[in-house]
Amino acid sequence: MDWKFEVVAGPFAFTEGPIWKDGAVLFTDIPASRIMRYDPKTGNCDEYRTGTNGANGLVLDAEGRIYAAEGTFLPTADKFVDGPGRRIARYEADGTTTSIAETFEGNRFNSPNDVTVDAKGRVWFTDPRYGNDRSCMELDHESVYRADPQPDGSYTVARVTFDTTRPNGLIVTPDMKTLYVAQSDNGPTTLRELRAYPINDDGSTGAYEVLHNFGPHRGIDGMTLDEDLNIVGSAGFPQGGPGPMIYVFTPKGRVLETHPFPINPTNCIFGDGDLTSLYVTASDGNLYRAKTNRKGWA
């Protein structure tokens, strides 16, 4: 089945982080520091939340609360803004914000990019620094972290990768045995891989397996799971290789499907009532939708 992508909202500045919540798609408009809400029943797209400190990836926990990777980065200007943010935040229903993780070993994070929450309520996130402006970096590495909830409501932060250079999208499998990481370092000699790290009982990770090597072209940005636990990832660019693409991989990395996309896709989520529509954010600031032959993991 060909997936035919249509623009349903936008253009905004630079869209990312789509999630499906309460019958609508929420997604970030990074440079505007806001979250937008697209209602497929009415076709309306309205501002949902402002003041997000350049939030990128979003995720829901089991209670339906929104977690955000606040990166304070303006990708369209290739510019880093050293302001508030650079943290993982939870947006509460009453409009307040709870800071989950702001520092590691006394240093501020680089620019948190994507975030997920596992069945134990542990918050996993990537912390790369994209762009040429690296002047405000306090850490000398770009890693994946795990924030563990404590009885008093606070979180302790542990580093879980020591071999990533630009970790981007990530997924923890429902059984919490595998961490998928998009190692997406888009330079002439660097690595763009979809990796699978085994998760140990204590939450640490073992040696990774490369499921797919995208080099020398643009690797995965964001990704999600379908109901069969296949990985649906957004990758590629018009400058080379197969071009912008939505990929479907098995858990072992076999390519099941490829679906050409009109511009650089940034992230994706299944939505609509039957979870068979794929919503995709993109570098052109639009939100796209395609009817698919797959169903999202609920």
Protein backbone atom coordinates (compact mmCIF):
# COMPACT_ATOMS: atom_id res chain seq x y z
CA MET A 1 0.00 0.00 0.00
CA ASP A 2 1.36 3.41 -0.96
CA TRP A 3 1.17 5.98 1.81
CA LYS A 4 0.00 9.28 0.36
CA PHE A 5 1.01 12.16 2.59
CA GLU A 6 -1.08 15.32 2.68
CA VAL A 7 -0.53 18.55 4.59
CA VAL A 8 -3.15 18.96 7.30
CA ALA A 9 -1.68 21.89 9.25
CA GLY A 10 0.94 24.58 8.84
CA PRO A 11 3.31 25.83 7.80
CA PHE A 12 4.83 26.77 11.12
CA ALA A 13 8.54 27.33 11.76
CA PHE A 14 9.92 23.81 12.43
CA THR A 15 7.67 21.01 13.67
CA GLU A 16 8.59 18.01 15.82
CA GLY A 17 7.52 15.73 18.66
CA PRO A 18 4.01 14.55 17.64
CA ILE A 19 1.90 12.63 20.17
CA TRP A 20 -1.70 11.44 20.02
CA LYS A 21 -3.71 12.68 23.01
CA ASP A 22 -7.46 12.95 23.58
CA GLY A 23 -8.44 12.64 19.94
CA ALA A 24 -5.92 15.13 18.59
CA VAL A 25 -2.28 15.45 17.55
CA LEU A 26 -0.04 17.61 19.71
CA PHE A 27 3.28 18.66 18.21
CA THR A 28 6.00 21.18 18.90
CA ASP A 29 6.80 24.31 16.92
CA ILE A 30 10.37 24.54 18.18
CA PRO A 31 11.52 28.12 17.37
CA ALA A 32 8.19 29.53 18.59
CA SER A 33 8.51 27.62 21.90
CA ARG A 34 4.99 26.29 21.74
CA ILE A 35 2.87 23.18 21.32
CA MET A 36 0.17 23.09 18.66
CA ARG A 37 -2.98 20.95 18.68
CA TYR A 38 -4.49 19.58 15.47
CA ASP A 39 -8.06 18.26 15.68
CA PRO A 40 -8.73 15.89 12.77
CA LYS A 41 -12.50 16.12 13.28
CA THR A 42 -12.66 19.87 12.72
CA GLY A 43 -9.41 20.45 10.84
CA ASN A 44 -8.52 23.22 13.27
CA CYS A 45 -4.98 23.68 14.51
CA ASP A 46 -4.63 25.89 17.58
CA GLU A 47 -2.00 26.87 20.11
CA TYR A 48 -2.07 24.40 23.01
CA ARG A 49 0.77 25.60 25.23
CA THR A 50 3.40 28.35 25.08
CA GLY A 51 6.67 28.99 26.85
CA THR A 52 8.16 25.57 26.16
CA ASN A 53 11.81 26.67 25.93
CA GLY A 54 12.29 25.29 22.45
CA ALA A 55 10.74 21.93 23.30
CA ASN A 56 11.43 19.21 20.75
CA GLY A 57 10.25 15.66 21.55
CA LEU A 58 7.08 14.94 23.54
CA VAL A 59 5.75 11.78 25.16
CA LEU A 60 2.85 10.71 27.37
CA ASP A 61 3.15 8.60 30.51
CA ALA A 62 0.60 6.04 31.69
CA GLU A 63 -1.40 8.81 33.37
CA GLY A 64 -1.58 10.88 30.18
CA ARG A 65 0.85 13.53 31.41
CA ILE A 66 3.07 15.26 28.84
CA TYR A 67 6.86 15.14 29.11
CA ALA A 68 8.98 17.41 26.92
CA ALA A 69 12.63 17.61 25.91
CA GLU A 70 13.25 21.35 26.23
CA GLY A 71 16.27 21.97 24.01
CA THR A 72 16.33 25.79 23.67
CA PHE A 73 17.67 25.38 20.14
CA LEU A 74 16.58 27.15 16.96
CA PRO A 75 17.28 24.69 14.13
CA THR A 76 16.19 27.00 11.33
CA ALA A 77 18.85 29.52 12.33
CA ASP A 78 21.53 26.94 13.20
CA LYS A 79 21.72 28.82 16.45
CA PHE A 80 21.76 27.87 20.10
CA VAL A 81 20.03 30.09 22.64
CA ASP A 82 21.54 29.85 26.12
CA GLY A 83 18.37 30.47 28.08
CA PRO A 84 15.99 28.56 30.32
CA GLY A 85 15.27 24.99 29.43
CA ARG A 86 17.96 22.46 28.48
CA ARG A 87 15.98 20.01 30.59
CA ILE A 88 13.27 17.38 30.68
CA ALA A 89 10.00 18.90 31.87
CA ARG A 90 6.53 17.59 32.67
CA TYR A 91 3.59 19.80 31.79
CA GLU A 92 0.89 19.41 34.40
CA ALA A 93 -2.84 19.65 33.72
CA ASP A 94 -3.13 22.81 35.82
CA GLY A 95 -0.66 24.65 33.57
CA THR A 96 2.35 24.36 35.86
CA THR A 97 5.64 22.73 34.91
CA THR A 98 7.62 20.14 36.86
CA SER A 99 11.33 19.93 36.12
CA ILE A 100 12.39 16.28 35.87
CA ALA A 101 16.08 16.56 34.98
CA GLU A 102 18.24 19.65 34.45
CA THR A 103 21.84 18.61 35.10
CA PHE A 104 24.20 15.66 35.11
CA GLU A 105 27.13 15.65 37.53
CA GLY A 106 26.63 19.37 38.11
CA ASN A 107 26.59 20.37 34.42
CA ARG A 108 23.63 21.49 32.35
CA PHE A 109 22.47 19.24 29.55
CA ASN A 110 23.43 20.08 25.96
CA SER A 111 20.02 20.35 24.29
CA PRO A 112 17.65 17.47 25.14
CA ASN A 113 16.12 16.22 21.92
CA ASP A 114 13.72 13.32 22.44
CA VAL A 115 12.12 11.58 25.40
CA THR A 116 10.17 8.45 26.28
CA VAL A 117 8.69 6.95 29.46
CA ASP A 118 8.75 3.23 30.21
CA ALA A 119 6.28 1.05 32.10
CA LYS A 120 8.06 1.74 35.39
CA GLY A 121 7.74 5.50 34.94
CA ARG A 122 11.43 5.92 34.18
CA VAL A 123 12.13 8.78 31.79
CA TRP A 124 14.69 8.10 29.04
CA PHE A 125 16.03 10.93 26.88
CA THR A 126 18.70 11.88 24.37
CA ASP A 127 20.98 14.88 24.76
CA PRO A 128 22.87 15.80 21.57
CA ARG A 129 23.99 19.20 20.38
CA TYR A 130 23.15 19.80 16.74
CA GLY A 131 24.26 22.84 14.80
CA ASN A 132 27.59 24.61 14.70
CA ASP A 133 27.16 26.61 17.91
CA ARG A 134 28.73 24.50 20.66
CA SER A 135 29.91 27.43 22.78
CA CYS A 136 27.56 26.82 25.71
CA MET A 137 28.14 23.08 26.12
CA GLU A 138 29.01 22.09 29.67
CA LEU A 139 29.27 18.34 29.02
CA ASP A 140 31.99 16.80 26.87
CA HIS A 141 29.75 14.00 25.59
CA GLU A 142 26.36 13.56 23.90
CA SER A 143 24.56 10.69 25.54
CA VAL A 144 21.32 8.96 26.45
CA TYR A 145 20.10 9.25 30.04
CA ARG A 146 17.55 7.61 32.32
CA ALA A 147 15.73 9.56 35.05
CA ASP A 148 14.35 7.32 37.79
CA PRO A 149 11.40 8.49 39.93
CA GLN A 150 11.98 8.60 43.68
CA PRO A 151 9.44 8.29 46.53
CA ASP A 152 9.62 12.04 47.23
CA GLY A 153 8.72 12.93 43.63
CA SER A 154 12.24 13.78 42.58
CA TYR A 155 14.30 11.96 39.96
CA THR A 156 17.84 10.61 39.91
CA VAL A 157 19.68 10.72 36.59
CA ALA A 158 21.97 8.03 35.18
CA ARG A 159 23.93 8.02 31.93
CA VAL A 160 23.15 4.91 29.87
CA THR A 161 25.21 5.30 26.66
CA PHE A 162 28.92 5.97 26.41
CA ASP A 163 29.35 5.50 22.67
CA THR A 164 26.86 7.92 21.08
CA THR A 165 27.85 11.21 19.44
CA ARG A 166 24.45 12.54 18.23
CA PRO A 167 21.68 10.44 19.79
CA ASN A 168 18.31 11.55 18.48
CA GLY A 169 15.05 9.56 18.55
CA LEU A 170 14.66 6.74 21.05
CA ILE A 171 12.20 4.02 22.03
CA VAL A 172 12.04 1.66 25.01
CA THR A 173 10.20 -1.52 24.09
CA PRO A 174 7.06 -2.36 26.11
CA ASP A 175 8.85 -5.25 27.84
CA MET A 176 11.67 -2.82 28.80
CA LYS A 177 14.30 -5.19 27.42
CA THR A 178 15.51 -3.09 24.46
CA LEU A 179 16.41 0.55 23.94
CA TYR A 180 16.33 1.70 20.31
CA VAL A 181 18.49 4.75 19.63
CA ALA A 182 18.89 6.76 16.45
CA GLN A 183 22.60 7.59 16.36
CA SER A 184 22.29 10.39 13.81
CA ASP A 185 25.56 12.23 13.44
CA ASN A 186 25.16 13.74 9.98
CA GLY A 187 28.76 14.53 9.11
CA PRO A 188 30.95 13.26 6.25
CA THR A 189 32.71 10.59 8.34
CA THR A 190 30.34 10.05 11.28
CA LEU A 191 27.81 7.35 12.11
CA ARG A 192 24.09 7.31 11.26
CA GLU A 193 22.74 4.06 12.69
CA LEU A 194 19.60 2.58 14.13
CA ARG A 195 20.90 0.82 17.24
CA ALA A 196 19.37 -1.69 19.65
CA TYR A 197 20.81 -1.71 23.17
CA PRO A 198 19.83 -4.52 25.55
CA ILE A 199 18.52 -3.14 28.84
CA ASN A 200 19.83 -4.86 31.95
CA ASP A 201 17.76 -5.46 35.09
CA ASP A 202 19.31 -2.41 36.78
CA GLY A 203 18.44 -0.13 33.84
CA SER A 204 21.95 0.02 32.39
CA THR A 205 22.57 -1.00 28.79
CA GLY A 206 24.76 -3.60 27.16
CA ALA A 207 26.62 -3.60 23.86
CA TYR A 208 24.46 -2.40 20.99
CA GLU A 209 23.54 -4.11 17.73
CA VAL A 210 23.37 -2.06 14.53
CA LEU A 211 19.96 -2.71 12.97
CA HIS A 212 20.47 -0.39 10.00
CA ASN A 213 23.28 1.80 8.72
CA PHE A 214 22.08 4.94 6.91
CA GLY A 215 25.50 6.36 6.08
CA PRO A 216 26.46 8.48 4.31
CA HIS A 217 22.92 9.87 4.22
CA ARG A 218 20.68 11.37 6.92
CA GLY A 219 19.70 8.84 9.56
CA ILE A 220 16.59 8.55 11.70
CA ASP A 221 15.32 11.64 13.44
CA GLY A 222 12.19 10.44 15.28
CA MET A 223 10.44 7.08 15.39
CA THR A 224 7.49 5.17 16.81
CA LEU A 225 6.17 1.57 17.04
CA ASP A 226 3.30 -0.16 15.31
CA GLU A 227 1.14 -2.78 17.04
CA ASP A 228 3.51 -5.57 15.90
CA LEU A 229 6.39 -3.66 17.54
CA ASN A 230 7.95 -2.80 14.20
CA ILE A 231 9.91 0.45 14.15
CA VAL A 232 8.50 3.25 11.99
CA GLY A 233 11.20 5.86 11.48
CA SER A 234 11.58 9.20 9.73
CA ALA A 235 14.88 9.62 7.90
CA GLY A 236 16.63 10.82 4.76
CA PHE A 237 16.99 14.10 2.89
CA PRO A 238 16.67 15.26 -0.73
CA GLN A 239 20.42 15.77 -1.17
CA GLY A 240 21.26 12.11 -1.68
CA GLY A 241 20.56 8.42 -1.35
CA PRO A 242 16.97 7.24 -1.34
CA GLY A 243 15.75 10.70 -0.34
CA PRO A 244 13.32 11.62 2.47
CA MET A 245 11.63 8.45 3.64
CA ILE A 246 9.42 6.81 6.22
CA TYR A 247 10.89 3.36 6.96
CA VAL A 248 9.31 0.33 8.61
CA PHE A 249 11.82 -2.03 10.26
CA THR A 250 11.29 -5.29 12.08
CA PRO A 251 12.74 -5.48 15.62
CA LYS A 252 15.78 -7.16 14.04
CA GLY A 253 16.28 -4.41 11.47
CA ARG A 254 14.89 -5.96 8.32
CA VAL A 255 13.34 -3.30 6.08
CA LEU A 256 9.67 -4.15 5.58
CA GLU A 257 8.54 -1.02 3.78
CA THR A 258 9.78 2.35 2.55
CA HIS A 259 7.48 5.28 1.84
CA PRO A 260 8.87 8.37 0.07
CA PHE A 261 8.19 11.68 1.81
CA PRO A 262 8.20 15.14 0.19
CA ILE A 263 10.71 16.85 2.52
CA ASN A 264 12.90 16.00 5.51
CA PRO A 265 10.62 14.19 8.00
CA THR A 266 11.42 14.87 11.64
CA ASN A 267 9.13 12.60 13.66
CA CYS A 268 5.95 10.53 13.47
CA ILE A 269 3.06 9.06 15.47
CA PHE A 270 0.02 6.96 14.70
CA GLY A 271 -3.32 8.62 15.31
CA ASP A 272 -7.03 8.88 14.53
CA GLY A 273 -9.61 6.64 16.16
CA ASP A 274 -8.25 3.39 14.78
CA LEU A 275 -4.56 4.42 15.04
CA THR A 276 -3.98 3.65 11.36
CA SER A 277 -3.14 7.17 10.20
CA LEU A 278 0.48 8.24 10.46
CA TYR A 279 1.10 11.88 11.34
CA VAL A 280 4.52 13.23 10.40
CA THR A 281 6.22 16.49 11.34
CA ALA A 282 8.77 17.98 8.97
CA SER A 283 11.51 20.52 8.43
CA ASP A 284 9.20 22.68 6.30
CA GLY A 285 7.03 23.38 9.37
CA ASN A 286 4.01 21.39 8.24
CA LEU A 287 2.10 18.50 9.78
CA TYR A 288 1.40 15.67 7.33
CA ARG A 289 -0.97 12.69 7.47
CA ALA A 290 -1.23 9.45 5.51
CA LYS A 291 -3.61 6.53 5.78
CA THR A 292 -1.55 3.37 6.25
CA ASN A 293 -1.83 -0.41 6.25
CA ARG A 294 -0.47 -0.46 9.81
CA LYS A 295 -1.79 0.29 13.28
CA GLY A 296 0.07 2.06 16.01
CA TRP A 297 1.04 0.48 19.28
CA ALA A 298 -1.36 1.79 21.90
